[in-house]
Protein backbone atom coordinates (compact mmCIF):
# COMPACT_ATOMS: atom_id res chain seq x y z
CA MET A 1 91.82 17.96 95.73
CA PHE A 2 94.96 16.04 96.69
CA ALA A 3 98.07 16.09 94.52
CA GLY A 4 97.87 13.49 91.75
CA ALA A 5 94.19 12.70 92.41
CA ASP A 6 93.09 13.96 88.98
CA GLU A 7 95.50 11.64 87.22
CA TYR A 8 93.92 8.62 88.88
CA ASP A 9 90.36 9.94 88.97
CA VAL A 10 90.32 9.65 92.76
CA ASP A 11 87.22 11.39 94.06
CA VAL A 12 88.12 11.48 97.75
CA ALA A 13 87.23 14.70 99.50
CA VAL A 14 87.10 15.53 103.19
CA ASP A 15 84.60 17.76 104.94
CA GLU A 16 86.11 20.92 106.38
CA ARG A 17 83.94 20.69 109.48
CA ALA A 18 85.19 17.17 110.11
CA VAL A 19 88.76 18.41 109.79
CA GLU A 20 88.15 21.15 112.34
CA ARG A 21 86.54 18.71 114.77
CA LEU A 22 89.44 16.33 114.43
CA LEU A 23 91.99 19.07 115.02
CA SER A 24 90.38 19.73 118.39
CA VAL A 25 90.78 16.12 119.59
CA ARG A 26 93.15 15.44 122.47
CA PRO A 27 94.09 12.20 124.29
CA GLY A 28 91.49 12.83 126.99
CA ASP A 29 88.75 12.73 124.38
CA VAL A 30 89.22 9.04 123.49
CA GLU A 31 89.01 5.84 125.49
CA ALA A 32 91.70 3.23 125.90
CA ALA A 33 91.17 -0.13 124.21
CA ASP A 34 90.19 -3.20 126.19
CA ARG A 35 92.99 -5.34 124.78
CA LEU A 36 96.21 -5.13 122.76
CA THR A 37 97.06 -7.38 119.82
CA PHE A 38 100.08 -8.21 117.68
CA ALA A 39 101.01 -10.58 114.88
CA ARG A 40 104.08 -12.79 114.85
CA ASN A 41 105.84 -12.55 111.51
CA VAL A 42 108.93 -13.29 109.53
CA PHE A 43 110.02 -10.23 107.56
CA ILE A 44 111.05 -11.12 104.00
CA PRO A 45 112.51 -8.27 101.91
CA LEU A 46 111.87 -9.70 98.45
CA THR A 47 113.80 -6.92 96.71
CA THR A 48 115.28 -3.57 97.69
CA ALA A 49 114.74 -2.13 94.21
CA CYS A 50 112.27 0.76 94.10
CA ARG A 51 111.18 3.26 91.48
CA TYR A 52 110.82 5.96 94.15
CA THR A 53 113.60 7.85 95.92
CA CYS A 54 111.94 9.17 99.09
CA THR A 55 114.46 11.17 101.08
CA TYR A 56 113.75 9.52 104.46
CA CYS A 57 113.92 5.89 103.27
CA THR A 58 116.89 3.59 103.87
CA TYR A 59 115.18 0.52 102.46
CA TYR A 60 115.75 1.03 98.75
CA ASP A 61 119.12 0.43 97.07
CA VAL A 62 120.31 2.11 93.90
CA PRO A 63 120.55 0.18 90.60
CA GLY A 64 123.46 -2.23 90.64
CA GLU A 65 123.23 -2.65 94.42
CA ALA A 66 119.63 -3.79 94.91
CA SER A 67 119.11 -7.26 96.32
CA LEU A 68 116.65 -9.88 95.08
CA LEU A 69 115.96 -12.96 97.20
CA SER A 70 115.92 -16.25 95.35
CA PRO A 71 113.06 -18.73 95.72
CA GLU A 72 115.36 -20.92 97.80
CA GLU A 73 116.14 -18.02 100.14
CA VAL A 74 112.44 -17.21 100.45
CA ARG A 75 111.68 -20.82 101.37
CA GLU A 76 114.46 -20.96 103.94
CA GLN A 77 113.30 -17.76 105.65
CA CYS A 78 109.72 -19.04 105.68
CA ARG A 79 110.83 -22.30 107.29
CA VAL A 80 112.74 -20.45 109.98
CA GLY A 81 109.71 -18.28 110.70
CA ALA A 82 107.27 -21.18 110.76
CA ASP A 83 109.53 -23.17 113.07
CA ALA A 84 109.62 -20.16 115.43
CA GLY A 85 105.83 -20.10 115.64
CA CYS A 86 105.22 -17.23 113.23
CA THR A 87 101.91 -17.09 111.40
CA GLU A 88 102.69 -14.31 108.90
CA ALA A 89 105.15 -13.97 106.03
CA LEU A 90 105.56 -10.22 105.57
CA PHE A 91 106.68 -9.58 102.00
CA THR A 92 107.96 -6.04 101.62
CA PHE A 93 109.74 -4.47 98.70
CA GLY A 94 110.09 -1.16 96.94
CA ASP A 95 107.55 -0.22 94.33
CA GLU A 96 107.89 -1.95 90.98
CA PRO A 97 111.49 -1.40 89.81
CA ASP A 98 111.77 0.95 86.86
CA ASP A 99 113.95 0.42 83.78
CA ARG A 100 117.10 1.45 85.65
CA TYR A 101 117.17 -1.88 87.52
CA THR A 102 118.34 -3.97 84.58
CA GLU A 103 119.95 -6.68 86.71
CA VAL A 104 116.74 -7.23 88.68
CA HIS A 105 114.67 -7.53 85.51
CA GLU A 106 117.21 -9.85 83.87
CA THR A 107 117.35 -12.12 86.92
CA LEU A 108 113.57 -12.35 87.13
CA ALA A 109 113.46 -13.26 83.42
CA GLU A 110 116.07 -15.98 83.97
CA TRP A 111 113.91 -17.40 86.75
CA GLY A 112 110.89 -17.41 84.43
CA PHE A 113 108.98 -14.40 85.79
CA ASP A 114 107.65 -11.53 83.71
CA SER A 115 107.62 -9.04 86.60
CA ILE A 116 108.27 -8.61 90.30
CA HIS A 117 104.54 -9.13 90.88
CA ASP A 118 104.63 -12.50 89.12
CA TYR A 119 107.49 -13.40 91.41
CA LEU A 120 105.59 -12.15 94.46
CA TYR A 121 102.79 -14.57 93.59
CA ARG A 122 105.24 -17.47 93.64
CA ALA A 123 106.85 -16.26 96.87
CA CYS A 124 103.42 -16.20 98.52
CA GLU A 125 102.79 -19.75 97.32
CA ILE A 126 106.06 -20.80 98.95
CA ALA A 127 104.99 -19.18 102.22
CA LEU A 128 101.70 -21.06 102.17
CA GLU A 129 103.53 -24.32 101.45
CA GLU A 130 105.73 -23.72 104.48
CA GLY A 131 102.82 -22.99 106.83
CA LEU A 132 102.62 -19.17 106.84
CA LEU A 133 99.96 -16.70 105.75
CA PRO A 134 101.31 -14.06 103.33
CA HIS A 135 100.81 -10.37 104.01
CA SER A 136 102.32 -8.37 101.15
CA ASN A 137 103.29 -4.71 100.98
CA PRO A 138 104.17 -4.35 97.28
CA GLY A 139 103.64 -0.61 96.91
CA ASP A 140 101.21 0.85 94.40
CA LEU A 141 99.07 -1.67 92.50
CA THR A 142 96.28 -1.49 89.97
CA GLU A 143 92.96 -3.28 90.36
CA SER A 144 94.05 -5.98 87.91
CA GLN A 145 97.26 -6.57 89.88
CA PHE A 146 95.28 -6.85 93.12
CA ALA A 147 92.91 -9.30 91.46
CA GLU A 148 95.87 -11.61 90.83
CA VAL A 149 97.98 -11.42 93.98
CA ARG A 150 95.02 -11.32 96.36
CA GLU A 151 94.47 -15.02 95.61
CA VAL A 152 97.59 -15.95 97.59
CA ASN A 153 97.47 -13.27 100.30
CA ALA A 154 95.72 -13.29 103.65
CA SER A 155 95.88 -9.49 103.67
CA MET A 156 97.88 -6.72 102.05
CA GLY A 157 98.91 -3.14 102.71
CA VAL A 158 100.49 0.12 101.66
CA MET A 159 101.17 3.25 103.70
CA LEU A 160 99.30 6.33 102.58
CA GLU A 161 101.87 8.33 104.59
CA THR A 162 100.22 11.69 103.92
CA THR A 163 97.83 13.45 101.60
CA ALA A 164 100.17 16.44 101.64
CA ASP A 165 102.53 17.20 98.77
CA VAL A 166 105.76 17.17 100.81
CA ASP A 167 109.38 17.70 99.82
CA ALA A 168 110.23 14.32 101.36
CA HIS A 169 108.61 12.75 98.29
CA SER A 170 110.46 15.00 95.89
CA GLY A 171 112.57 13.97 92.92
CA GLY A 172 112.08 12.86 89.36
CA ARG A 173 110.41 9.63 90.54
CA ARG A 174 108.19 10.99 93.27
CA LYS A 175 105.10 9.31 94.60
CA THR A 176 101.93 11.32 95.02
CA PRO A 177 98.96 11.12 97.37
CA GLY A 178 96.79 10.37 94.33
CA GLN A 179 98.78 7.20 93.61
CA ARG A 180 98.45 5.93 97.16
CA LEU A 181 94.76 6.77 97.45
CA ASN A 182 94.19 4.98 94.15
CA THR A 183 95.95 1.88 95.52
CA ILE A 184 93.88 1.88 98.72
CA ARG A 185 90.72 2.29 96.63
CA ALA A 186 91.77 -0.51 94.27
CA ALA A 187 92.30 -2.86 97.22
CA GLY A 188 88.82 -2.06 98.46
CA ARG A 189 87.24 -2.64 95.08
CA LYS A 190 88.93 -6.05 94.90
CA GLY A 191 87.98 -7.09 98.42
CA VAL A 192 91.43 -7.23 100.03
CA PRO A 193 91.69 -6.91 103.85
CA PHE A 194 94.01 -3.95 104.00
CA THR A 195 96.51 -2.15 106.20
CA THR A 196 97.45 1.47 105.65
CA GLY A 197 98.69 4.34 107.75
CA ILE A 198 100.20 7.77 108.11
CA LEU A 199 103.82 8.77 108.60
CA VAL A 200 104.30 11.55 111.12
CA GLY A 201 107.12 14.07 110.82
CA ILE A 202 108.00 14.24 107.10
CA GLY A 203 106.98 17.86 106.63
CA GLU A 204 103.21 17.56 106.88
CA GLU A 205 101.10 19.94 108.98
CA TRP A 206 98.42 19.13 111.55
CA ARG A 207 95.69 19.75 109.00
CA ASP A 208 97.38 17.30 106.63
CA ARG A 209 97.30 14.63 109.32
CA ALA A 210 93.60 15.17 109.89
CA GLU A 211 92.86 15.11 106.15
CA SER A 212 94.90 11.92 105.69
CA LEU A 213 92.97 10.09 108.41
CA LEU A 214 89.63 11.27 107.06
CA ALA A 215 90.57 10.20 103.53
CA ILE A 216 91.32 6.70 104.82
CA ARG A 217 88.01 6.67 106.66
CA GLU A 218 86.10 7.66 103.55
CA LEU A 219 87.63 4.86 101.50
CA HIS A 220 86.91 2.35 104.26
CA GLU A 221 83.30 3.50 104.52
CA ARG A 222 82.90 2.79 100.80
CA HIS A 223 84.53 -0.64 100.73
CA GLY A 224 84.82 -1.93 104.32
CA HIS A 225 88.35 -3.22 103.76
CA VAL A 226 90.66 -1.23 106.05
CA GLN A 227 91.48 -3.46 109.01
CA GLU A 228 94.08 -1.26 110.69
CA VAL A 229 95.72 2.14 110.41
CA ILE A 230 99.33 2.58 111.46
CA VAL A 231 100.39 5.84 113.09
CA GLN A 232 104.14 5.73 112.50
CA ASN A 233 106.64 8.36 113.48
CA VAL A 234 109.61 9.06 111.26
CA VAL A 235 112.99 8.21 112.77
CA PRO A 236 116.47 9.57 112.01
CA ASN A 237 118.63 7.40 109.81
CA GLU A 238 121.65 7.54 107.53
CA ARG A 239 119.69 9.19 104.71
CA SER A 240 117.47 11.48 106.73
CA ASP A 241 117.79 14.10 109.42
CA PHE A 242 114.06 14.38 110.07
CA GLU A 243 113.59 14.71 113.81
CA LYS A 244 111.56 12.07 115.60
CA PRO A 245 108.25 13.65 116.69
CA ASP A 246 108.01 14.26 120.42
CA LEU A 247 105.74 12.30 122.71
CA GLU A 248 103.01 14.93 122.93
CA THR A 249 102.79 15.07 119.14
CA MET A 250 102.39 11.31 118.91
CA ARG A 251 99.83 11.22 121.70
CA ARG A 252 97.72 13.79 119.91
CA VAL A 253 98.01 12.15 116.48
CA VAL A 254 97.11 8.71 117.87
CA ALA A 255 94.08 10.19 119.61
CA MET A 256 93.07 11.87 116.36
CA ALA A 257 93.32 8.54 114.56
CA ARG A 258 91.15 6.80 117.14
CA ALA A 259 88.56 9.56 116.93
CA ALA A 260 88.59 9.66 113.13
CA LEU A 261 88.24 5.95 112.42
CA PRO A 262 85.29 3.61 112.89
CA PRO A 263 85.53 1.39 116.00
CA GLU A 264 86.21 -1.76 113.96
CA VAL A 265 89.39 -0.27 112.44
CA SER A 266 92.39 -0.81 114.69
CA VAL A 267 94.91 1.91 115.48
CA GLN A 268 98.45 0.57 115.48
CA VAL A 269 101.83 1.94 116.49
CA PRO A 270 105.11 0.10 115.76
CA PRO A 271 106.63 -0.71 119.17
CA ASN A 272 110.22 -0.55 117.93
CA LEU A 273 109.76 3.04 116.70
CA SER A 274 107.18 4.55 119.03
CA PRO A 275 106.92 4.89 122.83
CA ALA A 276 104.00 2.48 122.77
CA ALA A 277 103.59 2.22 126.54
CA ASP A 278 102.97 5.96 126.64
CA LEU A 279 100.29 5.72 123.95
CA VAL A 280 98.02 2.97 125.28
CA ASP A 281 95.65 5.50 126.85
CA CYS A 282 95.31 7.31 123.50
CA GLY A 283 93.41 4.55 121.76
CA ILE A 284 95.95 2.14 120.27
CA ASP A 285 94.84 -1.48 120.23
CA ASP A 286 97.52 -3.12 118.09
CA LEU A 287 101.31 -3.34 117.90
CA GLY A 288 101.51 -4.68 114.37
CA GLY A 289 103.72 -7.43 113.06
CA VAL A 290 106.68 -8.23 115.31
CA SER A 291 109.31 -10.76 114.32
CA PRO A 292 111.16 -13.09 116.67
CA VAL A 293 113.58 -14.13 113.90
CA THR A 294 114.25 -11.20 111.53
CA ASP A 295 115.08 -7.51 111.64
CA ASP A 296 112.81 -4.65 110.68
CA TYR A 297 114.46 -4.23 107.31
CA VAL A 298 112.75 -0.89 106.71
CA ASN A 299 114.18 0.47 109.98
CA PRO A 300 117.16 -1.82 110.70
CA ASP A 301 118.57 0.36 113.48
CA TYR A 302 115.47 -0.18 115.59
CA ALA A 303 115.14 -3.66 117.08
CA TRP A 304 111.81 -5.37 117.69
CA PRO A 305 110.84 -5.82 121.34
CA ASP A 306 110.61 -9.40 122.54
CA LEU A 307 107.49 -10.95 123.99
CA ASP A 308 108.26 -9.58 127.45
CA GLY A 309 108.57 -6.12 125.90
CA LEU A 310 105.14 -6.46 124.29
CA ARG A 311 103.68 -7.64 127.58
CA ALA A 312 105.13 -4.56 129.28
CA VAL A 313 103.25 -2.31 126.86
CA ALA A 314 100.01 -4.15 127.55
CA ASP A 315 100.64 -4.02 131.28
CA ALA A 316 101.13 -0.26 131.09
CA GLY A 317 97.56 0.00 129.86
CA GLY A 318 96.20 -2.66 132.18
CA MET A 319 95.01 -4.70 129.22
CA PRO A 320 95.52 -8.29 128.07
CA LEU A 321 97.89 -9.10 125.21
CA ARG A 322 96.56 -11.28 122.40
CA GLU A 323 98.15 -12.70 119.27
CA ARG A 324 96.28 -12.34 115.98
CA LEU A 325 96.65 -13.43 112.37
CA PRO A 326 97.57 -11.01 109.57
CA THR A 327 93.87 -11.15 108.62
CA TYR A 328 91.68 -9.55 111.27
CA ALA A 329 89.01 -11.79 112.78
CA ARG A 330 85.97 -10.13 111.20
CA TYR A 331 87.23 -11.01 107.71
CA LEU A 332 87.66 -14.70 108.50
CA SER A 333 85.13 -17.33 107.48
CA ASP A 334 82.63 -18.71 109.98
CA ASP A 335 84.73 -21.76 110.80
CA PHE A 336 87.68 -19.63 111.93
CA ARG A 337 86.10 -16.48 113.32
CA PRO A 338 85.94 -16.46 117.13
CA ALA A 339 82.62 -16.32 118.93
CA GLY A 340 81.32 -12.83 119.53
CA VAL A 341 83.03 -11.27 116.50
CA ASP A 342 80.60 -9.96 113.91
CA PRO A 343 81.58 -10.71 110.31
CA ALA A 344 82.48 -7.92 107.93
CA ALA A 345 80.01 -7.20 105.16
CA ALA A 346 80.61 -9.36 102.11
CA PRO A 347 83.32 -8.02 99.79
CA PRO A 348 82.48 -6.82 96.30
CA HIS A 349 82.92 -9.13 93.33
CA ARG A 350 84.20 -12.18 95.24
CA ASP A 351 82.81 -14.88 97.50
CA ALA A 352 84.88 -14.17 100.61
CA TRP A 353 87.58 -11.88 101.97
CA VAL A 354 89.93 -14.81 102.52
CA PRO A 355 90.93 -16.61 99.29
CA PRO A 356 90.67 -20.40 98.96
CA ALA A 357 94.44 -20.92 99.11
CA VAL A 358 94.62 -19.22 102.51
CA GLY A 359 91.57 -21.07 103.82
CA ASP A 360 93.06 -24.38 102.71
CA ARG A 361 96.31 -23.57 104.50
CA MET A 362 94.43 -22.83 107.72
CA ARG A 363 92.41 -26.07 107.47
CA ALA A 364 95.46 -28.27 106.92
CA ASP A 365 95.84 -31.09 109.44
CA ASP A 366 99.43 -30.34 110.36
CA PRO A 367 101.17 -28.37 113.14
CA HIS A 368 101.09 -25.15 111.14
CA GLY A 369 97.40 -25.43 110.35
CA ARG A 370 96.60 -26.15 113.99
CA ARG A 371 98.65 -23.16 115.10
CA LEU A 372 96.90 -20.87 112.61
CA ARG A 373 93.49 -22.06 113.75
CA GLY A 374 94.42 -21.61 117.38
CA VAL A 375 95.54 -18.03 116.86
CA ALA A 376 92.46 -17.29 114.76
CA ARG A 377 90.15 -18.52 117.50
CA GLY A 378 92.06 -16.82 120.28
CA ASP A 379 93.31 -19.94 122.05
CA GLY A 380 96.83 -20.07 120.65
CA PRO A 381 99.58 -19.71 123.28
CA LEU A 382 101.52 -16.45 123.23
CA ASP A 383 104.77 -18.39 123.31
CA PRO A 384 104.45 -21.30 120.86
CA ARG A 385 107.90 -22.67 121.52
CA PRO A 386 108.40 -25.64 123.85
CA ALA A 387 109.69 -24.84 127.31
CA PRO A 388 113.35 -25.71 128.08
CA GLY A 389 113.67 -29.43 128.76
CA ASP A 390 110.42 -30.38 126.98
């Protein structure tokens, strides 16, 4: 049983034989993908307040220093992203601020919001108004919270990181594997297309990596909602001296992920943190959200590659590069899903994976709607900007 699982009544268990089989996997045991995808996003750090104090994280700020974007700032960033041809508004913030963040709570109250999640809902509405599809990473949520914010999100996500109880998560406000597994399960129960992943190099062992991947697989097999799994290496930063895992470690972990997960679940590596060109033969098929207009605010020292850099990764694997939406194609409705893509099984307790607000945004007869439909159907240009002189 994983740490914290009892508290949340999470009944995820992994088979020991499956663990042993996965530990034997090497890059030569998996096949390379036939194409490589990415999403074009604008990264919007709604707040840097967080109830957790993970030792490797530079994203959160202490009480009194945490930022909180205003609705006007959210709208401006969305407009910049939409004008640059982005399709995704990536809303990322630390888990729900605890009582220490008095200024954040007071500001939200002044703006008329009861919580950061109420504010997230409004921020997602702004993104839709400006022509973007929201993809939110709001940390741990309950089923009732998912039921609310899913109505304005194309997809959502949270990193599992690891099922191990590691010192990197230590402190009086530590997060546990049970919390994260509960969140992934809650997303599945509420029919949310979901992104999760593991973090490599924070003190976990090889067996922990195998168990983490198998736990994700089990939850996906129950609910059908995991669209991609990120295999992310830790990187040194001002708060952490964790060493970046070497190439052979990453090659093996990526191959394990490809072998562990069903074929429909993508394996992603972040191209600003990982040697992606050296991992294309290990089963990756996605490079995640990459922004042409904003930094990676979680890892600000590591710049996104440009479109030529993404093409170079695809070329290293001899595969085409394709742009995608934050919602993977199999979760889209019939009028958006490209030919040849089988639909995902219907989600539980709702009519469709994509909520009406997102579908309406994609059907809009404006430049943003046309761009979203083009990317969804696979005929959107990789570079949406006009050529010089046009």
